[in-house]
C-alpha atoms as a PDB file:
ATOM      1  CA  MET A   1      64.564-128.900  25.507  1.00  0.00           C
ATOM      2  CA  SER A   2      67.485-126.598  26.489  1.00  0.00           C
ATOM      3  CA  GLU A   3      69.459-126.960  29.756  1.00  0.00           C
ATOM      4  CA  SER A   4      68.665-123.430  30.452  1.00  0.00           C
ATOM      5  CA  LEU A   5      65.446-124.897  31.186  1.00  0.00           C
ATOM      6  CA  ALA A   6      65.784-128.396  32.490  1.00  0.00           C
ATOM      7  CA  PRO A   7      64.089-128.355  36.362  1.00  0.00           C
ATOM      8  CA  SER A   8      67.433-128.129  38.517  1.00  0.00           C
ATOM      9  CA  THR A   9      68.083-130.473  41.150  1.00  0.00           C
ATOM     10  CA  ALA A  10      67.453-128.110  44.200  1.00  0.00           C
ATOM     11  CA  ASP A  11      63.847-126.744  42.815  1.00  0.00           C
ATOM     12  CA  MET A  12      62.741-130.692  42.714  1.00  0.00           C
ATOM     13  CA  THR A  13      63.905-131.455  46.225  1.00  0.00           C
ATOM     14  CA  PRO A  14      60.778-130.857  49.005  1.00  0.00           C
ATOM     15  CA  ALA A  15      61.295-127.450  51.015  1.00  0.00           C
ATOM     16  CA  ALA A  16      62.114-128.811  54.373  1.00  0.00           C
ATOM     17  CA  PRO A  17      58.934-128.875  57.653  1.00  0.00           C
ATOM     18  CA  GLU A  18      59.192-125.146  59.174  1.00  0.00           C
ATOM     19  CA  PRO A  19      60.128-126.060  62.789  1.00  0.00           C
ATOM     20  CA  ARG A  20      57.658-126.047  64.977  1.00  0.00           C
ATOM     21  CA  GLY A  21      57.565-124.495  68.311  1.00  0.00           C
ATOM     22  CA  TYR A  22      55.432-124.990  71.551  1.00  0.00           C
ATOM     23  CA  SER A  23      52.761-122.749  70.875  1.00  0.00           C
ATOM     24  CA  ASP A  24      52.266-125.599  68.011  1.00  0.00           C
ATOM     25  CA  HIS A  25      51.762-128.204  70.345  1.00  0.00           C
ATOM     26  CA  GLY A  26      50.421-127.016  72.864  1.00  0.00           C
ATOM     27  CA  ARG A  27      46.971-125.783  74.043  1.00  0.00           C
ATOM     28  CA  PRO A  28      45.398-122.703  73.854  1.00  0.00           C
ATOM     29  CA  ALA A  29      45.332-120.856  77.701  1.00  0.00           C
ATOM     30  CA  TRP A  30      41.691-121.230  78.204  1.00  0.00           C
ATOM     31  CA  GLN A  31      42.538-124.776  77.826  1.00  0.00           C
ATOM     32  CA  ARG A  32      44.868-124.759  80.108  1.00  0.00           C
ATOM     33  CA  LEU A  33      43.078-122.991  82.544  1.00  0.00           C
ATOM     34  CA  LEU A  34      39.452-124.690  82.528  1.00  0.00           C
ATOM     35  CA  LEU A  35      40.046-128.461  80.892  1.00  0.00           C
ATOM     36  CA  THR A  36      41.630-128.917  84.239  1.00  0.00           C
ATOM     37  CA  PRO A  37      41.309-132.027  87.401  1.00  0.00           C
ATOM     38  CA  GLU A  38      40.991-129.208  89.846  1.00  0.00           C
ATOM     39  CA  MET A  39      38.715-126.825  87.494  1.00  0.00           C
ATOM     40  CA  ALA A  40      36.503-129.988  87.295  1.00  0.00           C
ATOM     41  CA  ILE A  41      36.389-130.883  90.893  1.00  0.00           C
ATOM     42  CA  ILE A  42      35.626-127.412  91.274  1.00  0.00           C
ATOM     43  CA  ALA A  43      32.826-127.114  89.588  1.00  0.00           C
ATOM     44  CA  LEU A  44      31.293-130.081  90.896  1.00  0.00           C
ATOM     45  CA  LEU A  45      31.256-128.717  94.811  1.00  0.00           C
ATOM     46  CA  ALA A  46      29.927-125.581  93.367  1.00  0.00           C
ATOM     47  CA  VAL A  47      27.039-127.716  91.697  1.00  0.00           C
ATOM     48  CA  VAL A  48      27.009-130.011  94.954  1.00  0.00           C
ATOM     49  CA  VAL A  49      26.897-126.519  97.329  1.00  0.00           C
ATOM     50  CA  VAL A  50      23.980-125.491  94.532  1.00  0.00           C
ATOM     51  CA  VAL A  51      21.911-128.396  95.059  1.00  0.00           C
ATOM     52  CA  ALA A  52      22.254-129.293  98.771  1.00  0.00           C
ATOM     53  CA  SER A  53      20.966-125.544  99.471  1.00  0.00           C
ATOM     54  CA  LEU A  54      17.919-125.658  97.361  1.00  0.00           C
ATOM     55  CA  SER A  55      17.206-129.532  98.835  1.00  0.00           C
ATOM     56  CA  VAL A  56      18.058-130.113 102.292  1.00  0.00           C
ATOM     57  CA  ARG A  57      16.435-127.889 104.527  1.00  0.00           C
ATOM     58  CA  ASN A  58      18.845-126.124 107.382  1.00  0.00           C
ATOM     59  CA  PHE A  59      21.886-126.432 104.868  1.00  0.00           C
ATOM     60  CA  ALA A  60      22.149-123.005 103.439  1.00  0.00           C
ATOM     61  CA  THR A  61      22.650-121.168 106.892  1.00  0.00           C
ATOM     62  CA  PRO A  62      25.500-119.545 108.579  1.00  0.00           C
ATOM     63  CA  ILE A  63      25.255-121.952 111.560  1.00  0.00           C
ATOM     64  CA  THR A  64      25.696-124.750 108.409  1.00  0.00           C
ATOM     65  CA  LEU A  65      28.467-122.944 107.229  1.00  0.00           C
ATOM     66  CA  THR A  66      30.149-122.219 110.831  1.00  0.00           C
ATOM     67  CA  PHE A  67      30.380-126.245 111.401  1.00  0.00           C
ATOM     68  CA  LEU A  68      30.921-127.554 108.130  1.00  0.00           C
ATOM     69  CA  LEU A  69      34.110-125.172 108.430  1.00  0.00           C
ATOM     70  CA  LEU A  70      35.284-126.401 112.133  1.00  0.00           C
ATOM     71  CA  ASP A  71      34.856-130.207 110.917  1.00  0.00           C
ATOM     72  CA  VAL A  72      37.072-129.856 107.607  1.00  0.00           C
ATOM     73  CA  ALA A  73      39.847-127.520 109.212  1.00  0.00           C
ATOM     74  CA  THR A  74      42.191-130.202 110.429  1.00  0.00           C
ATOM     75  CA  LEU A  75      41.731-131.972 106.888  1.00  0.00           C
ATOM     76  CA  LEU A  76      42.459-128.635 105.002  1.00  0.00           C
ATOM     77  CA  LEU A  77      45.799-128.030 107.387  1.00  0.00           C
ATOM     78  CA  ILE A  78      46.958-131.458 106.755  1.00  0.00           C
ATOM     79  CA  ALA A  79      46.167-131.629 102.662  1.00  0.00           C
ATOM     80  CA  LEU A  80      48.249-128.759 102.411  1.00  0.00           C
ATOM     81  CA  PRO A  81      52.235-130.914 103.113  1.00  0.00           C
ATOM     82  CA  MET A  82      50.410-134.435 102.000  1.00  0.00           C
ATOM     83  CA  THR A  83      49.412-132.569  98.421  1.00  0.00           C
ATOM     84  CA  MET A  84      53.727-132.393  97.917  1.00  0.00           C
ATOM     85  CA  VAL A  85      54.606-135.358 100.006  1.00  0.00           C
ATOM     86  CA  MET A  86      52.545-136.612  96.931  1.00  0.00           C
ATOM     87  CA  ILE A  87      53.194-134.698  94.225  1.00  0.00           C
ATOM     88  CA  THR A  88      56.693-136.336  94.985  1.00  0.00           C
ATOM     89  CA  GLY A  89      55.387-140.073  94.991  1.00  0.00           C
ATOM     90  CA  ASP A  90      55.434-140.589  98.475  1.00  0.00           C
ATOM     91  CA  ILE A  91      52.948-140.752 100.949  1.00  0.00           C
ATOM     92  CA  ASP A  92      52.345-140.279 104.761  1.00  0.00           C
ATOM     93  CA  LEU A  93      49.470-142.453 105.889  1.00  0.00           C
ATOM     94  CA  SER A  94      51.160-141.597 109.571  1.00  0.00           C
ATOM     95  CA  VAL A  95      49.436-137.945 110.252  1.00  0.00           C
ATOM     96  CA  GLY A  96      46.191-139.230 111.542  1.00  0.00           C
ATOM     97  CA  SER A  97      48.579-141.337 114.674  1.00  0.00           C
ATOM     98  CA  MET A  98      50.244-137.901 114.815  1.00  0.00           C
ATOM     99  CA  VAL A  99      47.450-135.683 115.595  1.00  0.00           C
ATOM    100  CA  GLY A 100      46.482-138.409 118.439  1.00  0.00           C
ATOM    101  CA  LEU A 101      50.319-137.527 119.930  1.00  0.00           C
ATOM    102  CA  SER A 102      50.382-134.517 119.839  1.00  0.00           C
ATOM    103  CA  SER A 103      46.579-134.692 121.736  1.00  0.00           C
ATOM    104  CA  VAL A 104      48.382-136.943 124.227  1.00  0.00           C
ATOM    105  CA  VAL A 105      51.575-134.020 124.379  1.00  0.00           C
ATOM    106  CA  ILE A 106      49.565-131.718 125.343  1.00  0.00           C
ATOM    107  CA  GLY A 107      47.309-132.882 127.635  1.00  0.00           C
ATOM    108  CA  MET A 108      49.808-134.570 129.586  1.00  0.00           C
ATOM    109  CA  MET A 109      52.289-130.969 129.710  1.00  0.00           C
ATOM    110  CA  VAL A 110      48.721-129.389 130.520  1.00  0.00           C
ATOM    111  CA  GLN A 111      47.806-131.739 133.309  1.00  0.00           C
ATOM    112  CA  ALA A 112      51.255-131.590 134.654  1.00  0.00           C
ATOM    113  CA  GLY A 113      50.739-127.814 135.175  1.00  0.00           C
ATOM    114  CA  GLN A 114      52.334-126.256 132.135  1.00  0.00           C
ATOM    115  CA  PRO A 115      51.184-123.089 130.045  1.00  0.00           C
ATOM    116  CA  MET A 116      49.683-124.218 126.878  1.00  0.00           C
ATOM    117  CA  GLY A 117      51.883-122.442 124.728  1.00  0.00           C
ATOM    118  CA  LEU A 118      54.415-124.475 125.971  1.00  0.00           C
ATOM    119  CA  ALA A 119      52.776-127.584 125.269  1.00  0.00           C
ATOM    120  CA  SER A 120      51.429-126.126 122.485  1.00  0.00           C
ATOM    121  CA  ILE A 121      55.407-125.807 121.049  1.00  0.00           C
ATOM    122  CA  ALA A 122      56.259-129.019 122.960  1.00  0.00           C
ATOM    123  CA  ALA A 123      53.403-130.917 120.616  1.00  0.00           C
ATOM    124  CA  VAL A 124      54.894-129.486 117.357  1.00  0.00           C
ATOM    125  CA  VAL A 125      58.597-130.479 118.111  1.00  0.00           C
ATOM    126  CA  VAL A 126      57.592-134.377 118.303  1.00  0.00           C
ATOM    127  CA  GLY A 127      55.213-133.780 115.328  1.00  0.00           C
ATOM    128  CA  ALA A 128      58.700-132.694 113.215  1.00  0.00           C
ATOM    129  CA  LEU A 129      60.734-134.655 114.913  1.00  0.00           C
ATOM    130  CA  GLY A 130      58.266-137.623 114.305  1.00  0.00           C
ATOM    131  CA  GLY A 131      58.126-136.633 110.068  1.00  0.00           C
ATOM    132  CA  LEU A 132      62.139-136.348 110.350  1.00  0.00           C
ATOM    133  CA  LEU A 133      62.307-140.199 111.384  1.00  0.00           C
ATOM    134  CA  ASN A 134      60.160-140.972 108.419  1.00  0.00           C
ATOM    135  CA  GLY A 135      61.987-138.929 105.580  1.00  0.00           C
ATOM    136  CA  LEU A 136      65.584-140.800 107.119  1.00  0.00           C
ATOM    137  CA  LEU A 137      64.374-143.886 107.214  1.00  0.00           C
ATOM    138  CA  ILE A 138      62.581-143.555 103.718  1.00  0.00           C
ATOM    139  CA  THR A 139      65.481-142.222 101.836  1.00  0.00           C
ATOM    140  CA  ARG A 140      69.223-142.896 104.310  1.00  0.00           C
ATOM    141  CA  MET A 141      67.491-147.182 104.505  1.00  0.00           C
ATOM    142  CA  GLN A 142      65.897-146.580 100.748  1.00  0.00           C
ATOM    143  CA  LEU A 143      62.895-148.149 102.178  1.00  0.00           C
ATOM    144  CA  PRO A 144      59.085-147.357 101.096  1.00  0.00           C
ATOM    145  CA  ALA A 145      57.711-144.545 101.852  1.00  0.00           C
ATOM    146  CA  LEU A 146      54.361-146.855 102.300  1.00  0.00           C
ATOM    147  CA  ALA A 147      55.794-149.130 104.490  1.00  0.00           C
ATOM    148  CA  VAL A 148      57.671-146.834 106.427  1.00  0.00           C
ATOM    149  CA  THR A 149      54.799-144.765 107.585  1.00  0.00           C
ATOM    150  CA  ILE A 150      52.549-147.912 108.171  1.00  0.00           C
ATOM    151  CA  GLY A 151      54.927-148.718 110.617  1.00  0.00           C
ATOM    152  CA  SER A 152      55.744-145.305 111.702  1.00  0.00           C
ATOM    153  CA  MET A 153      51.286-144.730 111.989  1.00  0.00           C
ATOM    154  CA  ALA A 154      51.697-147.814 114.536  1.00  0.00           C
ATOM    155  CA  LEU A 155      54.305-146.669 116.539  1.00  0.00           C
ATOM    156  CA  TYR A 156      52.861-143.366 117.032  1.00  0.00           C
ATOM    157  CA  ARG A 157      49.741-144.349 117.731  1.00  0.00           C
ATOM    158  CA  GLY A 158      50.871-147.023 120.422  1.00  0.00           C
ATOM    159  CA  ILE A 159      52.991-144.366 121.779  1.00  0.00           C
ATOM    160  CA  ALA A 160      49.796-141.978 122.484  1.00  0.00           C
ATOM    161  CA  VAL A 161      48.029-144.898 123.726  1.00  0.00           C
ATOM    162  CA  GLY A 162      50.683-145.947 125.600  1.00  0.00           C
ATOM    163  CA  LEU A 163      51.193-142.631 127.412  1.00  0.00           C
ATOM    164  CA  LEU A 164      47.540-141.593 128.421  1.00  0.00           C
ATOM    165  CA  GLY A 165      46.169-145.345 128.467  1.00  0.00           C
ATOM    166  CA  THR A 166      42.126-145.020 128.493  1.00  0.00           C
ATOM    167  CA  THR A 167      41.656-141.288 130.293  1.00  0.00           C
ATOM    168  CA  ALA A 168      41.156-138.202 128.530  1.00  0.00           C
ATOM    169  CA  VAL A 169      42.452-135.042 129.842  1.00  0.00           C
ATOM    170  CA  THR A 170      39.530-132.144 129.079  1.00  0.00           C
ATOM    171  CA  SER A 171      41.111-129.515 131.138  1.00  0.00           C
ATOM    172  CA  PHE A 172      42.077-126.653 128.939  1.00  0.00           C
ATOM    173  CA  PRO A 173      42.798-122.984 129.410  1.00  0.00           C
ATOM    174  CA  ALA A 174      38.789-121.542 128.696  1.00  0.00           C
ATOM    175  CA  ASP A 175      40.342-118.997 126.345  1.00  0.00           C
ATOM    176  CA  TRP A 176      41.897-120.902 123.842  1.00  0.00           C
ATOM    177  CA  ALA A 177      39.405-123.297 123.609  1.00  0.00           C
ATOM    178  CA  ALA A 178      37.184-120.458 123.087  1.00  0.00           C
ATOM    179  CA  ALA A 179      39.616-119.040 120.319  1.00  0.00           C
ATOM    180  CA  ALA A 180      39.176-122.925 118.964  1.00  0.00           C
ATOM    181  CA  ARG A 181      35.625-122.492 118.464  1.00  0.00           C
ATOM    182  CA  ALA A 182      35.156-119.123 118.403  1.00  0.00           C
ATOM    183  CA  SER A 183      34.069-117.158 114.639  1.00  0.00           C
ATOM    184  CA  ILE A 184      35.389-113.892 112.893  1.00  0.00           C
ATOM    185  CA  PRO A 185      33.188-111.553 114.624  1.00  0.00           C
ATOM    186  CA  GLY A 186      30.264-110.541 112.292  1.00  0.00           C
ATOM    187  CA  THR A 187      30.698-113.279 110.361  1.00  0.00           C
ATOM    188  CA  PRO A 188      30.230-117.668 110.193  1.00  0.00           C
ATOM    189  CA  ILE A 189      33.586-118.132 108.942  1.00  0.00           C
ATOM    190  CA  PRO A 190      35.728-119.717 112.204  1.00  0.00           C
ATOM    191  CA  VAL A 191      39.403-118.068 113.485  1.00  0.00           C
ATOM    192  CA  VAL A 192      41.074-121.161 112.844  1.00  0.00           C
ATOM    193  CA  MET A 193      40.446-120.566 108.825  1.00  0.00           C
ATOM    194  CA  ILE A 194      42.380-117.209 108.601  1.00  0.00           C
ATOM    195  CA  GLY A 195      45.430-119.744 110.693  1.00  0.00           C
ATOM    196  CA  PHE A 196      44.584-121.453 107.618  1.00  0.00           C
ATOM    197  CA  ALA A 197      44.266-118.838 104.356  1.00  0.00           C
ATOM    198  CA  VAL A 198      47.941-117.936 105.781  1.00  0.00           C
ATOM    199  CA  LEU A 199      49.270-121.612 105.405  1.00  0.00           C
ATOM    200  CA  LEU A 200      47.848-121.890 102.261  1.00  0.00           C
ATOM    201  CA  VAL A 201      49.286-118.969 100.511  1.00  0.00           C
ATOM    202  CA  VAL A 202      52.949-120.198 102.398  1.00  0.00           C
ATOM    203  CA  PHE A 203      52.292-123.765 100.021  1.00  0.00           C
ATOM    204  CA  VAL A 204      50.848-122.204  97.045  1.00  0.00           C
ATOM    205  CA  VAL A 205      53.800-120.015  97.067  1.00  0.00           C
ATOM    206  CA  LEU A 206      56.266-122.827  97.790  1.00  0.00           C
ATOM    207  CA  ALA A 207      54.745-125.572  95.147  1.00  0.00           C
ATOM    208  CA  HIS A 208      54.154-122.959  92.634  1.00  0.00           C
ATOM    209  CA  PHE A 209      56.333-119.989  92.822  1.00  0.00           C
ATOM    210  CA  THR A 210      59.701-121.327  94.042  1.00  0.00           C
ATOM    211  CA  THR A 211      62.704-123.484  92.886  1.00  0.00           C
ATOM    212  CA  PHE A 212      61.954-126.018  95.869  1.00  0.00           C
ATOM    213  CA  GLY A 213      58.463-126.475  94.186  1.00  0.00           C
ATOM    214  CA  ARG A 214      59.902-127.022  90.746  1.00  0.00           C
ATOM    215  CA  ASP A 215      62.012-129.926  92.307  1.00  0.00           C
ATOM    216  CA  THR A 216      59.250-130.893  93.882  1.00  0.00           C
ATOM    217  CA  TYR A 217      57.131-132.097  91.074  1.00  0.00           C
ATOM    218  CA  ALA A 218      60.785-132.863  88.936  1.00  0.00           C
ATOM    219  CA  ILE A 219      61.115-135.777  91.587  1.00  0.00           C
ATOM    220  CA  GLY A 220      57.684-137.064  91.291  1.00  0.00           C
ATOM    221  CA  ARG A 221      57.959-137.338  88.003  1.00  0.00           C
ATOM    222  CA  SER A 222      61.406-138.832  87.360  1.00  0.00           C
ATOM    223  CA  ARG A 223      63.672-139.519  90.407  1.00  0.00           C
ATOM    224  CA  ASP A 224      66.369-140.194  87.992  1.00  0.00           C
ATOM    225  CA  ALA A 225      66.039-137.205  85.996  1.00  0.00           C
ATOM    226  CA  ALA A 226      65.870-134.772  88.756  1.00  0.00           C
ATOM    227  CA  LEU A 227      68.394-136.499  90.824  1.00  0.00           C
ATOM    228  CA  PHE A 228      71.016-136.061  86.868  1.00  0.00           C
ATOM    229  CA  ASN A 229      69.520-132.081  87.451  1.00  0.00           C
ATOM    230  CA  GLY A 230      71.006-131.367  90.364  1.00  0.00           C
ATOM    231  CA  VAL A 231      67.736-131.517  92.497  1.00  0.00           C
ATOM    232  CA  ARG A 232      68.887-132.825  96.410  1.00  0.00           C
ATOM    233  CA  VAL A 233      66.375-135.360  96.200  1.00  0.00           C
ATOM    234  CA  ASP A 234      66.733-136.749  99.244  1.00  0.00           C
ATOM    235  CA  ARG A 235      66.670-133.171 101.397  1.00  0.00           C
ATOM    236  CA  THR A 236      63.758-132.238  99.370  1.00  0.00           C
ATOM    237  CA  ARG A 237      61.517-135.269 100.640  1.00  0.00           C
ATOM    238  CA  VAL A 238      62.974-134.744 104.409  1.00  0.00           C
ATOM    239  CA  ILE A 239      61.777-131.838 104.565  1.00  0.00           C
ATOM    240  CA  LEU A 240      58.624-132.311 102.998  1.00  0.00           C
ATOM    241  CA  PHE A 241      57.996-135.146 105.893  1.00  0.00           C
ATOM    242  CA  VAL A 242      59.030-132.565 108.916  1.00  0.00           C
ATOM    243  CA  LEU A 243      56.598-130.854 107.160  1.00  0.00           C
ATOM    244  CA  SER A 244      53.988-133.256 107.255  1.00  0.00           C
ATOM    245  CA  GLY A 245      54.519-134.078 110.741  1.00  0.00           C
ATOM    246  CA  ALA A 246      54.650-130.309 111.962  1.00  0.00           C
ATOM    247  CA  ILE A 247      51.706-129.443 110.411  1.00  0.00           C
ATOM    248  CA  ALA A 248      49.732-132.811 111.832  1.00  0.00           C
ATOM    249  CA  ALA A 249      50.622-132.047 115.025  1.00  0.00           C
ATOM    250  CA  LEU A 250      49.392-128.062 114.698  1.00  0.00           C
ATOM    251  CA  ALA A 251      46.406-129.689 113.193  1.00  0.00           C
ATOM    252  CA  GLY A 252      46.325-132.015 116.441  1.00  0.00           C
ATOM    253  CA  ILE A 253      46.665-128.728 119.163  1.00  0.00           C
ATOM    254  CA  TYR A 254      43.466-127.839 117.416  1.00  0.00           C
ATOM    255  CA  TYR A 255      41.690-131.104 117.071  1.00  0.00           C
ATOM    256  CA  THR A 256      42.114-131.052 120.932  1.00  0.00           C
ATOM    257  CA  LEU A 257      40.685-127.450 121.946  1.00  0.00           C
ATOM    258  CA  ARG A 258      37.693-128.014 119.198  1.00  0.00           C
ATOM    259  CA  PHE A 259      36.482-131.065 120.985  1.00  0.00           C
ATOM    260  CA  GLY A 260      37.714-130.373 124.415  1.00  0.00           C
ATOM    261  CA  SER A 261      39.810-133.957 124.938  1.00  0.00           C
ATOM    262  CA  ALA A 262      43.071-135.393 124.947  1.00  0.00           C
ATOM    263  CA  ARG A 263      43.066-139.046 123.922  1.00  0.00           C
ATOM    264  CA  GLY A 264      45.332-141.900 122.823  1.00  0.00           C
ATOM    265  CA  ASP A 265      43.012-142.319 119.644  1.00  0.00           C
ATOM    266  CA  ASN A 266      41.937-139.111 118.605  1.00  0.00           C
ATOM    267  CA  ALA A 267      42.039-138.510 114.966  1.00  0.00           C
ATOM    268  CA  MET A 268      41.620-142.499 114.648  1.00  0.00           C
ATOM    269  CA  GLY A 269      41.514-143.001 110.724  1.00  0.00           C
ATOM    270  CA  LEU A 270      41.674-139.360 109.496  1.00  0.00           C
ATOM    271  CA  GLU A 271      45.114-140.021 106.799  1.00  0.00           C
ATOM    272  CA  LEU A 272      42.999-141.552 105.116  1.00  0.00           C
ATOM    273  CA  GLN A 273      40.083-139.168 104.687  1.00  0.00           C
ATOM    274  CA  VAL A 274      43.368-136.873 103.827  1.00  0.00           C
ATOM    275  CA  ILE A 275      44.674-138.976 101.085  1.00  0.00           C
ATOM    276  CA  ALA A 276      40.797-139.653 100.037  1.00  0.00           C
ATOM    277  CA  ALA A 277      40.426-135.321  99.449  1.00  0.00           C
ATOM    278  CA  VAL A 278      44.114-135.004  97.887  1.00  0.00           C
ATOM    279  CA  VAL A 279      43.645-137.604  95.607  1.00  0.00           C
ATOM    280  CA  LEU A 280      39.953-136.296  94.986  1.00  0.00           C
ATOM    281  CA  GLY A 281      41.546-132.683  94.330  1.00  0.00           C
ATOM    282  CA  GLY A 282      43.627-133.765  91.447  1.00  0.00           C
ATOM    283  CA  VAL A 283      46.989-134.550  92.683  1.00  0.00           C
ATOM    284  CA  SER A 284      48.055-138.053  90.967  1.00  0.00           C
ATOM    285  CA  VAL A 285      48.663-141.340  93.173  1.00  0.00           C
ATOM    286  CA  PHE A 286      52.019-141.926  91.276  1.00  0.00           C
ATOM    287  CA  GLY A 287      53.202-138.864  91.806  1.00  0.00           C
ATOM    288  CA  GLY A 288      54.367-135.040  89.145  1.00  0.00           C
ATOM    289  CA  ARG A 289      50.687-134.049  89.105  1.00  0.00           C
ATOM    290  CA  GLY A 290      48.595-131.697  91.387  1.00  0.00           C
ATOM    291  CA  ALA A 291      47.887-128.239  92.412  1.00  0.00           C
ATOM    292  CA  MET A 292      46.552-126.589  96.061  1.00  0.00           C
ATOM    293  CA  HIS A 293      43.578-125.228  95.020  1.00  0.00           C
ATOM    294  CA  GLY A 294      42.145-128.784  93.455  1.00  0.00           C
ATOM    295  CA  VAL A 295      42.798-130.327  96.802  1.00  0.00           C
ATOM    296  CA  VAL A 296      41.181-127.319  98.900  1.00  0.00           C
ATOM    297  CA  ALA A 297      38.140-128.220  96.567  1.00  0.00           C
ATOM    298  CA  GLY A 298      38.210-131.586  97.059  1.00  0.00           C
ATOM    299  CA  VAL A 299      38.342-131.340 101.023  1.00  0.00           C
ATOM    300  CA  LEU A 300      35.309-128.844 100.868  1.00  0.00           C
ATOM    301  CA  LEU A 301      33.423-131.515  98.562  1.00  0.00           C
ATOM    302  CA  ILE A 302      34.243-133.797 100.899  1.00  0.00           C
ATOM    303  CA  GLY A 303      33.045-131.761 103.885  1.00  0.00           C
ATOM    304  CA  VAL A 304      30.390-130.869 101.967  1.00  0.00           C
ATOM    305  CA  LEU A 305      28.830-134.355 100.651  1.00  0.00           C
ATOM    306  CA  SER A 306      29.152-134.726 104.261  1.00  0.00           C
ATOM    307  CA  SER A 307      27.415-132.205 105.726  1.00  0.00           C
ATOM    308  CA  ALA A 308      24.763-132.057 103.574  1.00  0.00           C
ATOM    309  CA  LEU A 309      23.830-135.461 104.095  1.00  0.00           C
ATOM    310  CA  ARG A 310      23.616-135.862 107.434  1.00  0.00           C
ATOM    311  CA  LEU A 311      21.148-133.423 107.539  1.00  0.00           C
ATOM    312  CA  ALA A 312      19.784-135.456 104.777  1.00  0.00           C
ATOM    313  CA  GLY A 313      18.897-137.804 107.496  1.00  0.00           C
ATOM    314  CA  ILE A 314      21.530-140.186 105.979  1.00  0.00           C
ATOM    315  CA  THR A 315      23.738-142.359 108.053  1.00  0.00           C
ATOM    316  CA  SER A 316      27.794-142.356 108.520  1.00  0.00           C
ATOM    317  CA  ASP A 317      27.508-145.956 106.692  1.00  0.00           C
ATOM    318  CA  VAL A 318      26.159-144.660 103.774  1.00  0.00           C
ATOM    319  CA  ILE A 319      28.047-141.531 103.272  1.00  0.00           C
ATOM    320  CA  ASN A 320      31.876-143.739 103.507  1.00  0.00           C
ATOM    321  CA  ILE A 321      30.070-145.437 100.428  1.00  0.00           C
ATOM    322  CA  ILE A 322      29.483-142.746  98.706  1.00  0.00           C
ATOM    323  CA  THR A 323      33.106-140.739  99.366  1.00  0.00           C
ATOM    324  CA  GLY A 324      34.484-143.851  98.038  1.00  0.00           C
ATOM    325  CA  LEU A 325      32.619-144.222  95.530  1.00  0.00           C
ATOM    326  CA  LEU A 326      33.469-140.744  94.722  1.00  0.00           C
ATOM    327  CA  LEU A 327      37.139-141.540  95.042  1.00  0.00           C
ATOM    328  CA  VAL A 328      37.030-144.315  93.112  1.00  0.00           C
ATOM    329  CA  MET A 329      35.912-142.272  89.974  1.00  0.00           C
ATOM    330  CA  SER A 330      38.235-139.581  90.281  1.00  0.00           C
ATOM    331  CA  VAL A 331      41.136-142.287  90.128  1.00  0.00           C
ATOM    332  CA  ILE A 332      39.149-143.964  87.233  1.00  0.00           C
ATOM    333  CA  SER A 333      38.325-140.512  84.919  1.00  0.00           C
ATOM    334  CA  GLY A 334      42.075-139.553  85.866  1.00  0.00           C
ATOM    335  CA  SER A 335      43.686-142.357  84.721  1.00  0.00           C
ATOM    336  CA  ILE A 336      41.354-142.008  81.431  1.00  0.00           C
ATOM    337  CA  LEU A 337      41.724-138.784  80.827  1.00  0.00           C
ATOM    338  CA  SER A 338      45.917-139.518  80.857  1.00  0.00           C
ATOM    339  CA  TRP A 339      44.941-142.101  77.944  1.00  0.00           C
ATOM    340  CA  ALA A 340      43.430-140.693  76.177  1.00  0.00           C
ATOM    341  CA  GLN A 341      45.757-137.709  75.899  1.00  0.00           C
ATOM    342  CA  ALA A 342      48.251-139.999  75.027  1.00  0.00           C
ATOM    343  CA  ARG A 343      46.248-141.566  72.196  1.00  0.00           C
ATOM    344  CA  ARG A 344      45.417-138.459  71.056  1.00  0.00           C
ATOM    345  CA  VAL A 345      47.359-136.916  67.620  1.00  0.00           C
ATOM    346  CA  ARG A 346      48.517-133.686  67.892  1.00  0.00           C
ATOM    347  CA  PRO A 347      46.900-131.621  64.473  1.00  0.00           C
ATOM    348  CA  GLY A 348      49.985-131.764  61.338  1.00  0.00           C
ATOM    349  CA  ALA A 349      51.765-134.786  63.257  1.00  0.00           C
ATOM    350  CA  SER A 350      50.951-137.109  60.682  1.00  0.00           C
ATOM    351  CA  ALA A 351      52.024-134.597  58.421  1.00  0.00           C
ATOM    352  CA  VAL A 352      55.312-133.902  60.231  1.00  0.00           C
ATOM    353  CA  ALA A 353      56.345-137.499  60.077  1.00  0.00           C
ATOM    354  CA  LYS A 354      55.050-138.090  56.716  1.00  0.00           C
ATOM    355  CA  ALA A 355      57.805-135.441  55.609  1.00  0.00           C
END
């Protein structure tokens, strides 16, 4: 064989695999949009609404919708900042106590003859200061958020009960109280939903369309990595705790006017309901994952279930058991989904590895 006919070394060398881009590894857009925990909760909410409307008497009525939204309004408000706090990997267990403390602040100031507007501003300031205290203890003292907010939960509740004792303030301006219970003219939707819709837009933009929101997710995935990438981790966490305290106080104003009573034990245990709704809505308890639309669906799902079961004659203890089971199932299913995604071999990965 002549030398010209012999195969060259270049011809015998296997061609290097073409570089793979993001589109080769990523899922199609429709899968990224629809195959998510948030969309699963929205689908479950739709199923529960349809089943309840068909099987529970008086559920599919305007008055039921009105009282359902009035009942979940407090949870919806507090869940907005709580979502971002938990995305960072923190938690705020003091929000229920802050609702009670802000209620007491309003009651005492109105009882002393102060205008309702001034009392409301004072309550929000107290809430922001309470959140600031939580944030500074967690970031400056490097203490766990769980331990700090358990302590502040007891502290704020103790202050609220200590200030007002066992008495209740029930005299509030009639126009404020009526506004808290009123519906948008011609609809069964409460007026408070307008305020919630405004805050929802603000928090959606903040979480999903700003650098601050991207920093929040980065902190939840890895605080060290976020810090090395220039994220002001401590400042971001403090701001979120301030927002959590302020919105909890704002929810306390609504809660007080809605029920017409300022007491130190108002909203006892509310923090657990908020956290359950946020986790049910797809926010990871380990941080780094979650979306506002899933959280709103989670709150509404808990509200719809509670309303339908009450109308069906189910006791509150059974309702709590069902809600708890639903929460446990959501946590387990999220862990199983993460494990399955980690184990899944992407198409072509084995071929590239062998090459």
